N, C-alpha and C. Protein backbone atom coordinates (compact mmCIF):
# COMPACT_ATOMS: atom_id res chain seq x y z
N MET A 1 13.46 -7.71 -25.85
CA MET A 1 12.94 -8.11 -24.41
C MET A 1 13.68 -6.90 -23.55
N PRO A 2 14.86 -6.48 -23.78
CA PRO A 2 15.33 -5.43 -22.81
C PRO A 2 14.59 -4.11 -22.94
N GLY A 3 13.86 -3.72 -23.64
CA GLY A 3 13.12 -2.56 -23.93
C GLY A 3 11.99 -2.64 -23.18
N ASP A 4 11.43 -3.92 -23.18
CA ASP A 4 10.02 -4.23 -22.79
C ASP A 4 10.01 -4.35 -20.88
N VAL A 5 11.62 -4.83 -20.59
CA VAL A 5 11.86 -4.71 -19.13
C VAL A 5 11.98 -3.17 -18.70
N ALA A 6 12.49 -2.48 -19.21
CA ALA A 6 12.65 -0.85 -19.02
C ALA A 6 11.48 -0.41 -19.02
N GLN A 7 10.34 -0.69 -19.79
CA GLN A 7 9.31 0.10 -19.93
C GLN A 7 8.73 -0.51 -18.42
N LEU A 8 8.58 -1.83 -18.32
CA LEU A 8 7.96 -2.60 -16.93
C LEU A 8 8.54 -1.70 -15.66
N PHE A 9 9.96 -1.84 -15.90
CA PHE A 9 10.51 -1.28 -14.86
C PHE A 9 10.02 0.60 -14.32
N ARG A 10 9.95 1.11 -15.66
CA ARG A 10 9.76 2.64 -15.36
C ARG A 10 8.09 2.78 -14.62
N PHE A 11 7.13 1.41 -15.24
CA PHE A 11 5.96 1.81 -14.99
C PHE A 11 5.90 1.16 -13.40
N LEU A 12 6.59 0.38 -12.90
CA LEU A 12 6.53 0.14 -11.51
C LEU A 12 7.35 1.07 -10.79
N VAL A 13 8.35 1.76 -11.15
CA VAL A 13 8.92 3.04 -10.25
C VAL A 13 7.52 4.46 -10.30
N ALA A 14 6.88 4.21 -11.59
CA ALA A 14 5.75 5.36 -11.62
C ALA A 14 4.90 4.81 -10.44
N LYS A 15 4.36 3.80 -10.81
CA LYS A 15 3.20 3.26 -9.72
C LYS A 15 3.60 3.07 -8.16
N MET A 16 5.02 3.10 -7.83
CA MET A 16 5.46 3.01 -6.74
C MET A 16 5.67 4.95 -5.92
N ARG A 17 5.77 5.35 -7.06
CA ARG A 17 5.81 6.95 -6.44
C ARG A 17 4.18 7.62 -6.17
N THR A 18 3.35 7.01 -6.93
CA THR A 18 1.90 7.33 -6.60
C THR A 18 1.41 6.70 -5.45
N VAL A 19 1.94 5.66 -5.31
CA VAL A 19 1.24 4.87 -4.10
C VAL A 19 2.17 5.59 -2.59
N THR A 20 3.45 6.01 -2.60
CA THR A 20 3.99 6.33 -1.75
C THR A 20 3.47 7.85 -1.41
N GLY A 21 3.06 8.60 -2.64
CA GLY A 21 2.44 10.07 -2.59
C GLY A 21 1.07 9.51 -2.05
N PHE A 22 0.36 8.95 -2.33
CA PHE A 22 -1.00 8.80 -1.67
C PHE A 22 -0.92 8.60 -0.28
N CYS A 23 0.14 7.51 0.00
CA CYS A 23 0.43 7.13 1.60
C CYS A 23 0.59 8.41 2.22
N SER A 24 1.30 9.20 1.78
CA SER A 24 1.95 10.73 2.33
C SER A 24 0.58 11.48 2.56
N LEU A 25 -0.02 11.68 1.93
CA LEU A 25 -1.24 12.55 1.55
C LEU A 25 -2.62 11.68 2.49
N LYS A 26 -2.38 10.36 2.89
CA LYS A 26 -3.67 9.82 3.35
C LYS A 26 -3.48 8.89 4.53
N PRO A 27 -2.59 9.67 5.77
CA PRO A 27 -2.07 8.90 6.59
C PRO A 27 -3.11 8.63 7.72
N ARG A 28 -4.29 9.30 7.80
CA ARG A 28 -4.76 9.25 8.68
C ARG A 28 -5.91 7.62 8.28
N ILE A 29 -6.34 7.61 6.82
CA ILE A 29 -7.01 6.57 6.40
C ILE A 29 -6.28 5.15 6.31
N LEU A 30 -5.10 5.54 6.11
CA LEU A 30 -4.21 4.21 6.49
C LEU A 30 -4.00 3.57 7.50
N GLU A 31 -4.36 4.59 8.89
CA GLU A 31 -4.30 4.37 10.13
C GLU A 31 -5.03 3.66 10.77
N ARG A 32 -6.46 3.96 10.12
CA ARG A 32 -7.59 3.59 10.14
C ARG A 32 -7.75 2.11 9.61
N ILE A 33 -7.45 1.93 8.39
CA ILE A 33 -7.47 0.56 7.91
C ILE A 33 -6.40 -0.05 8.93
N TYR A 34 -5.13 -0.15 9.34
CA TYR A 34 -4.60 -1.06 10.17
C TYR A 34 -5.08 -1.36 11.17
N ALA A 35 -6.01 -0.11 12.03
CA ALA A 35 -6.37 -0.12 13.07
C ALA A 35 -7.84 -1.12 12.93
N ILE A 36 -8.41 -1.35 11.90
CA ILE A 36 -9.53 -2.09 11.88
C ILE A 36 -8.85 -3.35 11.50
N LYS A 37 -7.74 -3.69 10.50
CA LYS A 37 -7.19 -4.75 10.46
C LYS A 37 -6.79 -5.80 11.67
N GLU A 38 -6.18 -4.88 12.50
CA GLU A 38 -5.88 -5.17 13.83
C GLU A 38 -6.73 -5.38 14.94
N TYR A 39 -7.86 -4.91 14.93
CA TYR A 39 -9.26 -5.36 15.74
C TYR A 39 -9.91 -6.58 15.14
N ASP A 40 -9.88 -6.75 13.56
CA ASP A 40 -10.14 -8.06 13.34
C ASP A 40 -9.81 -9.16 13.68
N ASN A 41 -7.88 -8.98 13.74
CA ASN A 41 -7.04 -10.31 13.99
C ASN A 41 -7.53 -10.13 15.47
N ALA A 42 -7.80 -9.31 16.42
CA ALA A 42 -7.87 -9.62 17.95
C ALA A 42 -9.28 -9.91 18.27
N ILE A 43 -10.23 -10.04 17.35
CA ILE A 43 -11.61 -10.41 17.53
C ILE A 43 -11.28 -11.82 18.16
N PRO A 44 -10.71 -13.00 17.45
CA PRO A 44 -10.97 -14.21 17.74
C PRO A 44 -10.04 -14.83 19.08
N PHE A 45 -9.16 -13.75 19.58
CA PHE A 45 -8.61 -13.88 21.02
C PHE A 45 -9.40 -13.34 21.90
N SER A 46 -9.83 -12.50 21.51
CA SER A 46 -11.05 -11.97 22.92
C SER A 46 -12.34 -13.13 23.47
N ARG A 47 -12.73 -13.95 22.14
CA ARG A 47 -13.59 -14.63 22.33
C ARG A 47 -13.07 -16.25 22.86
């Protein structure tokens, strides 16, 4: 079991590194996604 946990932890760390690298490379796309989410959340209040 400890070996499996270590492999899982390493996989999660590698995944987080790829995610953070992608976020740092694509900040504009993320900003657009957040803006769209905020816009969708604001629609019911405007009506």
